[in-house]
Protein backbone atom coordinates (compact mmCIF):
# COMPACT_ATOMS: atom_id res chain seq x y z
CA MET A 1 -91.51 135.82 99.62
CA LEU A 2 -94.75 136.89 101.19
CA VAL A 3 -96.50 140.20 100.63
CA GLU A 4 -99.20 141.27 103.05
CA VAL A 5 -101.50 143.97 101.69
CA ARG A 6 -103.91 145.68 104.08
CA LEU A 7 -106.01 148.80 104.18
CA ARG A 8 -104.35 151.87 105.66
CA PRO A 9 -105.52 152.95 109.12
CA GLY A 10 -108.66 155.06 108.92
CA ILE A 11 -109.91 153.45 105.70
CA ALA A 12 -113.29 151.73 106.10
CA ASP A 13 -113.07 147.93 106.00
CA PRO A 14 -116.55 146.53 105.20
CA ALA A 15 -115.28 142.93 104.94
CA GLY A 16 -113.62 143.17 108.34
CA ALA A 17 -116.76 144.74 109.83
CA THR A 18 -118.90 141.88 108.46
CA VAL A 19 -116.61 139.25 109.99
CA GLU A 20 -116.48 141.14 113.29
CA ALA A 21 -120.28 141.38 113.42
CA ALA A 22 -120.59 137.59 112.96
CA LEU A 23 -118.12 136.65 115.68
CA PRO A 24 -120.40 136.87 118.75
CA ALA A 25 -122.98 134.56 117.14
CA LEU A 26 -120.20 132.00 116.72
CA GLY A 27 -119.09 132.30 120.33
CA PHE A 28 -116.05 134.49 119.71
CA THR A 29 -116.94 137.34 122.07
CA ASP A 30 -113.29 137.97 122.92
CA VAL A 31 -112.19 138.86 119.36
CA GLY A 32 -112.47 142.32 117.82
CA GLU A 33 -110.88 145.01 115.66
CA VAL A 34 -111.01 142.72 112.61
CA ARG A 35 -109.25 144.00 109.49
CA MET A 36 -109.16 142.03 106.26
CA GLY A 37 -106.33 141.99 103.76
CA LYS A 38 -104.65 139.71 101.30
CA ALA A 39 -101.49 137.64 101.29
CA ILE A 40 -99.50 136.97 98.13
CA ARG A 41 -96.70 134.40 97.95
CA LEU A 42 -94.19 134.61 95.13
CA ALA A 43 -90.70 133.64 94.09
CA VAL A 44 -88.24 136.19 92.73
CA GLU A 45 -84.99 135.57 90.91
CA ALA A 46 -82.47 137.99 92.38
CA PRO A 47 -78.80 137.97 93.38
CA ASP A 48 -79.61 138.56 97.08
CA GLU A 49 -82.38 139.24 99.58
CA ASP A 50 -82.10 143.04 99.35
CA ALA A 51 -82.45 143.00 95.57
CA ALA A 52 -85.43 140.65 95.78
CA ARG A 53 -87.10 142.85 98.42
CA ARG A 54 -86.59 146.00 96.31
CA ARG A 55 -88.08 144.26 93.26
CA VAL A 56 -91.14 143.07 95.18
CA GLU A 57 -91.63 146.53 96.71
CA GLN A 58 -91.70 147.94 93.16
CA LEU A 59 -94.24 145.29 92.23
CA CYS A 60 -96.38 146.30 95.20
CA GLN A 61 -96.29 149.97 94.23
CA ARG A 62 -97.20 149.27 90.61
CA LEU A 63 -99.65 146.36 90.84
CA LEU A 64 -100.29 144.52 94.10
CA ALA A 65 -101.42 147.41 96.31
CA ASN A 66 -103.31 150.64 95.77
CA PRO A 67 -100.98 153.10 97.55
CA VAL A 68 -103.84 155.55 98.16
CA ILE A 69 -105.78 153.19 100.44
CA GLU A 70 -103.50 150.20 101.05
CA GLU A 71 -100.09 149.47 102.49
CA ALA A 72 -97.93 146.46 101.74
CA GLN A 73 -95.31 144.68 103.81
CA VAL A 74 -92.79 142.26 102.33
CA TRP A 75 -91.57 139.25 104.31
CA VAL A 76 -88.72 136.86 103.53
CA SER A 77 -88.72 133.63 105.52
CA PRO A 78 -85.32 132.21 106.54
CA GLY A 79 -84.29 129.43 104.20
CA GLU A 80 -86.98 130.37 101.72
CA ASP A 81 -86.12 130.73 98.05
CA LEU A 82 -86.00 134.36 97.02
C-alpha cells in the first residue's frame, strides 16, 4: 500500500516554494505550483482490500499525518500485497 501525505490547500509550503524558486535557474521555466509531501509504502495483513484500507486510514489519522494541516490518500496497486 502507498500513503501520500500532503499539506492541505492554503497551508504554506516552504519546501515547495524553495524548489519552485530554483527551477528557472535549472532551465525548468515551464514548471510551477510545486507542493512537497511524503510517500509511505507499507504492507498490511488484512482479510481484504477494504479492511486493509480502513486500517491504514486509521494509521494516517493517528500517526502518519497531522489532520490539522495535512491530508492523506491511500493507494492500493493491483496485484500488490495488502
